[in-house]
């Protein structure tokens, strides 16, 4: 089946506009806004023929929700693949890139795979509570989800976290790095996407990168490192590492490139939807071959 990149683009625009514009700030204190986001995500899953489920949990007297939907694979014996992103934001920020862009990618991938499944069964997940004060704690929605998989002894082939996938900058020098020496090995122009994982996940990350290279012309860089490098574990893939699952992050490098990070300026009109659509289509074609 051939998918239209223009249709993918328009769907991405719609999701980012609803989450960052119509709903807006979605912090852990804004329970009503979080619920609006949950309802919207559920509606999108249903519109694609997917059955959404809520994973509810209580923190400090409030109920928070992960939303997930499973698309059965044609040969699921090798373990599931998890593709996820967080829908919460820092208070007062629209969160277009961080991380409505990631949620848009997850939803669009669910649509594509619902029409033509992969060999592997895929769990598409919208996580909550990725942002502070729960960041890097056991209260993260992704930790709750990964822990549940672990308790059920569900085999996970790998997890892919979509963490800010929409901001690109062609200006030389706009791309920064956590370690100065990286500038000698990686581009100075922020027009690429990055695949970032740890050493335990190296095989899964490299396999993905090799296939992506053959299925997409999009410029990407791959980095395998340790958590001592700032930013390596700054998303939901960290929660899966804690249960020894292979996982990596796909990102536009966040604050190393995007000046609107955790800022009211993180609005839908700052993103490059052509590149986002190209990336989503590349991820789809790659996961089909994993």
Protein backbone atom coordinates (compact mmCIF):
# COMPACT_ATOMS: atom_id res chain seq x y z
CA UNK A 1 0.00 0.00 0.00
CA UNK A 2 1.27 3.48 -0.89
CA UNK A 3 0.62 6.28 1.59
CA UNK A 4 0.39 9.97 0.71
CA UNK A 5 3.03 12.10 2.42
CA UNK A 6 0.74 15.11 1.97
CA UNK A 7 -2.07 13.35 3.87
CA UNK A 8 0.39 12.43 6.62
CA UNK A 9 1.49 16.08 6.80
CA UNK A 10 -2.07 17.38 7.10
CA UNK A 11 -2.87 14.91 9.87
CA UNK A 12 0.25 15.94 11.77
CA UNK A 13 -0.71 19.60 11.48
CA UNK A 14 -4.20 18.87 12.80
CA UNK A 15 -2.97 17.01 15.87
CA UNK A 16 -0.32 19.57 16.78
CA UNK A 17 -2.80 22.45 16.37
CA UNK A 18 -5.43 20.80 18.57
CA UNK A 19 -3.03 19.87 21.36
CA UNK A 20 -0.94 23.04 21.40
CA UNK A 21 -3.57 25.52 20.23
CA UNK A 22 -7.09 24.41 21.12
CA UNK A 23 -6.06 22.72 24.38
CA UNK A 24 -2.78 24.43 25.17
CA UNK A 25 -0.75 23.97 28.34
CA UNK A 26 -1.06 20.40 29.67
CA UNK A 27 0.94 20.29 32.89
CA UNK A 28 0.39 17.88 35.76
CA UNK A 29 -1.57 20.58 37.61
CA UNK A 30 -3.98 21.15 34.71
CA UNK A 31 -6.18 18.10 35.12
CA UNK A 32 -8.95 19.40 32.86
CA UNK A 33 -6.54 20.10 29.99
CA UNK A 34 -4.93 16.69 30.39
CA UNK A 35 -8.38 15.07 30.18
CA UNK A 36 -9.16 17.03 27.01
CA UNK A 37 -5.93 15.72 25.52
CA UNK A 38 -6.85 12.17 26.54
CA UNK A 39 -10.28 12.43 24.91
CA UNK A 40 -8.80 13.83 21.71
CA UNK A 41 -6.16 11.10 21.49
CA UNK A 42 -8.79 8.43 22.11
CA UNK A 43 -10.98 9.89 19.38
CA UNK A 44 -8.11 9.82 16.92
CA UNK A 45 -7.31 6.20 17.71
CA UNK A 46 -10.96 5.26 17.18
CA UNK A 47 -11.16 7.15 13.90
CA UNK A 48 -8.34 4.93 12.62
CA UNK A 49 -10.11 1.74 13.64
CA UNK A 50 -7.92 1.28 16.71
CA UNK A 51 -9.32 0.47 20.15
CA UNK A 52 -7.89 2.83 22.79
CA UNK A 53 -7.45 1.84 26.42
CA UNK A 54 -6.67 3.92 29.48
CA UNK A 55 -4.08 2.98 32.05
CA UNK A 56 -5.06 5.00 35.12
CA UNK A 57 -2.93 5.64 38.18
CA UNK A 58 -3.06 7.98 41.15
CA UNK A 59 -0.38 10.47 42.17
CA UNK A 60 -0.89 12.89 45.08
CA UNK A 61 -4.66 12.44 44.98
CA UNK A 62 -5.00 13.04 41.22
CA UNK A 63 -5.79 10.44 38.57
CA UNK A 64 -3.55 10.43 35.50
CA UNK A 65 -3.90 8.45 32.30
CA UNK A 66 -1.72 6.71 29.76
CA UNK A 67 -3.64 5.97 26.54
CA UNK A 68 -2.61 3.06 24.39
CA UNK A 69 -3.82 0.99 21.49
CA UNK A 70 -2.49 -2.26 20.10
CA UNK A 71 -2.22 -3.21 16.43
CA UNK A 72 -1.74 -6.94 16.05
CA UNK A 73 1.16 -8.10 13.89
CA UNK A 74 1.09 -10.73 11.19
CA UNK A 75 3.82 -12.76 12.95
CA UNK A 76 4.00 -11.54 16.55
CA UNK A 77 6.10 -14.31 18.09
CA UNK A 78 9.29 -12.19 18.36
CA UNK A 79 7.89 -9.74 20.93
CA UNK A 80 6.02 -6.46 20.75
CA UNK A 81 7.32 -3.08 19.68
CA UNK A 82 6.30 -0.02 21.70
CA UNK A 83 6.09 3.36 19.98
CA UNK A 84 5.32 6.15 22.43
CA UNK A 85 5.42 9.85 23.20
CA UNK A 86 4.28 12.05 26.09
CA UNK A 87 1.35 14.45 25.82
CA UNK A 88 1.93 16.52 28.98
CA UNK A 89 3.80 19.83 28.94
CA UNK A 90 5.59 22.22 31.26
CA UNK A 91 3.09 24.66 32.81
CA UNK A 92 2.29 27.66 30.62
CA UNK A 93 3.74 26.23 27.40
CA UNK A 94 1.69 25.17 24.35
CA UNK A 95 4.11 22.28 23.81
CA UNK A 96 3.89 22.07 20.03
CA UNK A 97 7.32 20.50 19.61
CA UNK A 98 7.47 19.25 23.21
CA UNK A 99 5.65 17.05 22.67
CA UNK A 100 2.55 17.42 20.53
CA UNK A 101 4.87 16.65 17.62
CA UNK A 102 5.69 13.25 19.12
CA UNK A 103 2.03 12.46 19.83
CA UNK A 104 1.15 13.45 16.27
CA UNK A 105 3.77 11.00 15.05
CA UNK A 106 2.45 8.18 17.26
CA UNK A 107 -1.13 8.70 16.12
CA UNK A 108 -0.20 8.87 12.46
CA UNK A 109 1.88 5.71 12.72
CA UNK A 110 -1.10 3.98 14.35
CA UNK A 111 -3.20 5.01 11.36
CA UNK A 112 -0.68 3.65 8.87
CA UNK A 113 -0.17 0.36 10.67
CA UNK A 114 -3.90 -0.13 11.18
CA UNK A 115 -4.19 -0.15 7.39
CA UNK A 116 -1.16 -2.36 6.76
CA UNK A 117 0.23 -4.08 9.90
CA UNK A 118 3.83 -5.03 10.54
CA UNK A 119 5.04 -8.51 11.43
CA UNK A 120 5.32 -7.43 15.05
CA UNK A 121 2.45 -6.44 17.28
CA UNK A 122 2.83 -2.74 18.09
CA UNK A 123 1.66 -0.85 21.17
CA UNK A 124 1.08 2.82 20.42
CA UNK A 125 1.19 4.79 23.66
CA UNK A 126 0.55 8.37 24.75
CA UNK A 127 2.31 8.78 28.10
CA UNK A 128 1.60 11.34 30.79
CA UNK A 129 3.87 12.87 33.46
CA UNK A 130 7.10 12.94 31.51
CA UNK A 131 7.80 16.53 32.52
CA UNK A 132 9.03 17.81 35.92
CA UNK A 133 8.46 17.27 38.79
CA UNK A 134 7.98 13.61 37.81
CA UNK A 135 10.73 13.47 35.19
CA UNK A 136 13.14 10.56 35.80
CA UNK A 137 10.99 9.16 38.64
CA UNK A 138 8.83 6.09 39.08
CA UNK A 139 5.78 8.31 38.69
CA UNK A 140 6.38 8.87 34.97
CA UNK A 141 3.59 7.43 32.87
CA UNK A 142 6.14 5.55 30.80
CA UNK A 143 7.59 3.93 33.94
CA UNK A 144 4.09 2.78 34.96
CA UNK A 145 3.56 1.34 31.48
CA UNK A 146 6.94 -0.40 31.25
CA UNK A 147 6.59 -1.79 34.77
CA UNK A 148 3.23 -3.32 33.83
CA UNK A 149 4.76 -5.01 30.78
CA UNK A 150 7.53 -6.37 32.99
CA UNK A 151 5.09 -7.70 35.59
CA UNK A 152 3.13 -9.48 32.86
CA UNK A 153 6.32 -10.98 31.40
CA UNK A 154 5.52 -9.48 28.01
CA UNK A 155 8.43 -9.79 25.61
CA UNK A 156 9.47 -6.41 24.19
CA UNK A 157 11.60 -6.41 21.06
CA UNK A 158 12.20 -2.71 21.46
CA UNK A 159 10.74 0.67 22.36
CA UNK A 160 10.90 3.86 20.27
CA UNK A 161 10.26 7.20 21.98
CA UNK A 162 9.26 10.12 19.76
CA UNK A 163 10.57 13.15 21.67
CA UNK A 164 10.28 16.48 19.86
CA UNK A 165 10.41 15.69 16.14
CA UNK A 166 9.31 18.93 14.48
CA UNK A 167 11.90 21.70 14.79
CA UNK A 168 14.60 22.12 12.14
CA UNK A 169 16.99 25.02 11.54
CA UNK A 170 19.20 25.45 8.46
CA UNK A 171 21.28 28.24 10.01
CA UNK A 172 24.91 27.28 10.54
CA UNK A 173 25.81 27.19 14.21
CA UNK A 174 22.22 26.71 15.35
CA UNK A 175 22.92 23.14 16.41
CA UNK A 176 24.48 22.73 19.85
CA UNK A 177 25.75 19.63 21.65
CA UNK A 178 26.15 18.46 25.26
CA UNK A 179 29.86 17.83 24.80
CA UNK A 180 32.03 20.36 22.88
CA UNK A 181 33.96 17.65 21.02
CA UNK A 182 30.70 16.48 19.39
CA UNK A 183 30.94 19.50 17.09
CA UNK A 184 33.84 17.79 15.33
CA UNK A 185 31.78 14.71 14.49
CA UNK A 186 28.21 15.95 14.08
CA UNK A 187 26.59 18.65 11.90
CA UNK A 188 26.61 22.33 12.81
CA UNK A 189 23.28 22.80 11.02
CA UNK A 190 20.15 21.56 12.79
CA UNK A 191 18.43 19.99 9.79
CA UNK A 192 18.73 16.33 10.82
CA UNK A 193 16.90 13.92 13.11
CA UNK A 194 18.73 11.95 15.81
CA UNK A 195 18.42 8.36 17.01
CA UNK A 196 19.72 8.24 20.59
CA UNK A 197 20.15 5.11 22.69
CA UNK A 198 22.33 3.39 25.27
CA UNK A 199 24.81 0.56 24.82
CA UNK A 200 22.34 -2.10 25.89
CA UNK A 201 20.00 -0.93 23.11
CA UNK A 202 22.75 -0.65 20.50
CA UNK A 203 21.69 -3.66 18.42
CA UNK A 204 18.07 -2.51 18.20
CA UNK A 205 19.04 1.11 17.47
CA UNK A 206 21.60 0.16 14.82
CA UNK A 207 19.21 -2.23 13.13
CA UNK A 208 16.62 0.55 12.94
CA UNK A 209 19.19 3.03 11.60
CA UNK A 210 20.42 0.62 8.93
CA UNK A 211 16.91 0.00 7.62
CA UNK A 212 15.96 3.69 7.85
CA UNK A 213 19.00 4.55 5.74
CA UNK A 214 17.75 2.25 2.99
CA UNK A 215 14.11 3.37 3.11
CA UNK A 216 14.36 7.14 3.61
CA UNK A 217 16.50 9.94 2.23
CA UNK A 218 16.08 11.97 5.40
CA UNK A 219 19.33 13.06 7.06
CA UNK A 220 19.81 11.42 10.44
CA UNK A 221 22.54 10.95 13.00
CA UNK A 222 22.81 8.07 15.44
CA UNK A 223 24.35 8.20 18.91
CA UNK A 224 24.90 5.40 21.39
CA UNK A 225 26.16 6.54 24.75
CA UNK A 226 25.84 6.52 28.53
CA UNK A 227 23.57 8.58 30.75
CA UNK A 228 26.53 10.73 31.81
CA UNK A 229 26.10 12.53 28.47
CA UNK A 230 23.37 15.14 29.14
CA UNK A 231 20.26 14.48 27.08
CA UNK A 232 20.91 10.81 26.31
CA UNK A 233 18.13 9.65 28.62
CA UNK A 234 15.89 12.73 28.63
CA UNK A 235 12.63 11.05 27.62
CA UNK A 236 10.36 8.06 28.08
CA UNK A 237 12.84 5.53 26.72
CA UNK A 238 14.65 5.84 30.07
CA UNK A 239 11.75 4.07 31.78
CA UNK A 240 12.17 1.07 29.49
CA UNK A 241 15.92 0.94 30.14
CA UNK A 242 15.10 0.51 33.81
CA UNK A 243 13.40 -2.78 32.98
CA UNK A 244 16.22 -3.86 30.68
CA UNK A 245 14.19 -3.35 27.50
CA UNK A 246 16.02 -2.11 24.37
CA UNK A 247 14.85 1.44 23.68
CA UNK A 248 15.97 4.58 21.91
CA UNK A 249 14.73 8.10 21.27
CA UNK A 250 14.01 9.81 17.96
CA UNK A 251 14.45 13.54 18.45
CA UNK A 252 15.23 16.90 16.87
CA UNK A 253 17.65 17.28 19.85
CA UNK A 254 15.31 19.54 21.87
CA UNK A 255 17.09 22.40 23.69
CA UNK A 256 20.29 21.77 21.76
CA UNK A 257 18.48 23.27 18.77
CA UNK A 258 15.02 24.61 19.57
CA UNK A 259 15.09 28.05 21.28
CA UNK A 260 11.41 27.62 22.20
CA UNK A 261 12.05 24.64 24.48
CA UNK A 262 9.85 24.85 27.61
CA UNK A 263 8.78 28.31 26.49
CA UNK A 264 5.46 29.95 25.51
CA UNK A 265 6.97 30.32 22.03
CA UNK A 266 6.71 26.56 21.40
CA UNK A 267 3.79 27.04 19.01
CA UNK A 268 2.52 25.04 16.04
CA UNK A 269 3.73 27.55 13.44
CA UNK A 270 7.39 26.99 14.36
CA UNK A 271 7.47 23.38 13.14
CA UNK A 272 8.45 21.87 9.80
CA UNK A 273 5.63 19.52 8.87
CA UNK A 274 7.19 18.45 5.58
CA UNK A 275 10.15 16.99 7.44
CA UNK A 276 7.88 15.53 10.11
CA UNK A 277 5.84 13.74 7.45
CA UNK A 278 9.01 12.46 5.80
CA UNK A 279 10.20 11.14 9.15
CA UNK A 280 6.92 9.42 9.99
CA UNK A 281 6.81 7.70 6.63
CA UNK A 282 10.43 6.62 7.10
CA UNK A 283 9.66 5.22 10.56
CA UNK A 284 6.69 3.31 9.16
CA UNK A 285 8.73 1.72 6.36
CA UNK A 286 11.54 0.90 8.78
CA UNK A 287 9.41 -0.72 11.48
CA UNK A 288 7.73 -2.83 8.80
CA UNK A 289 11.13 -4.46 8.21
CA UNK A 290 12.36 -4.81 11.80
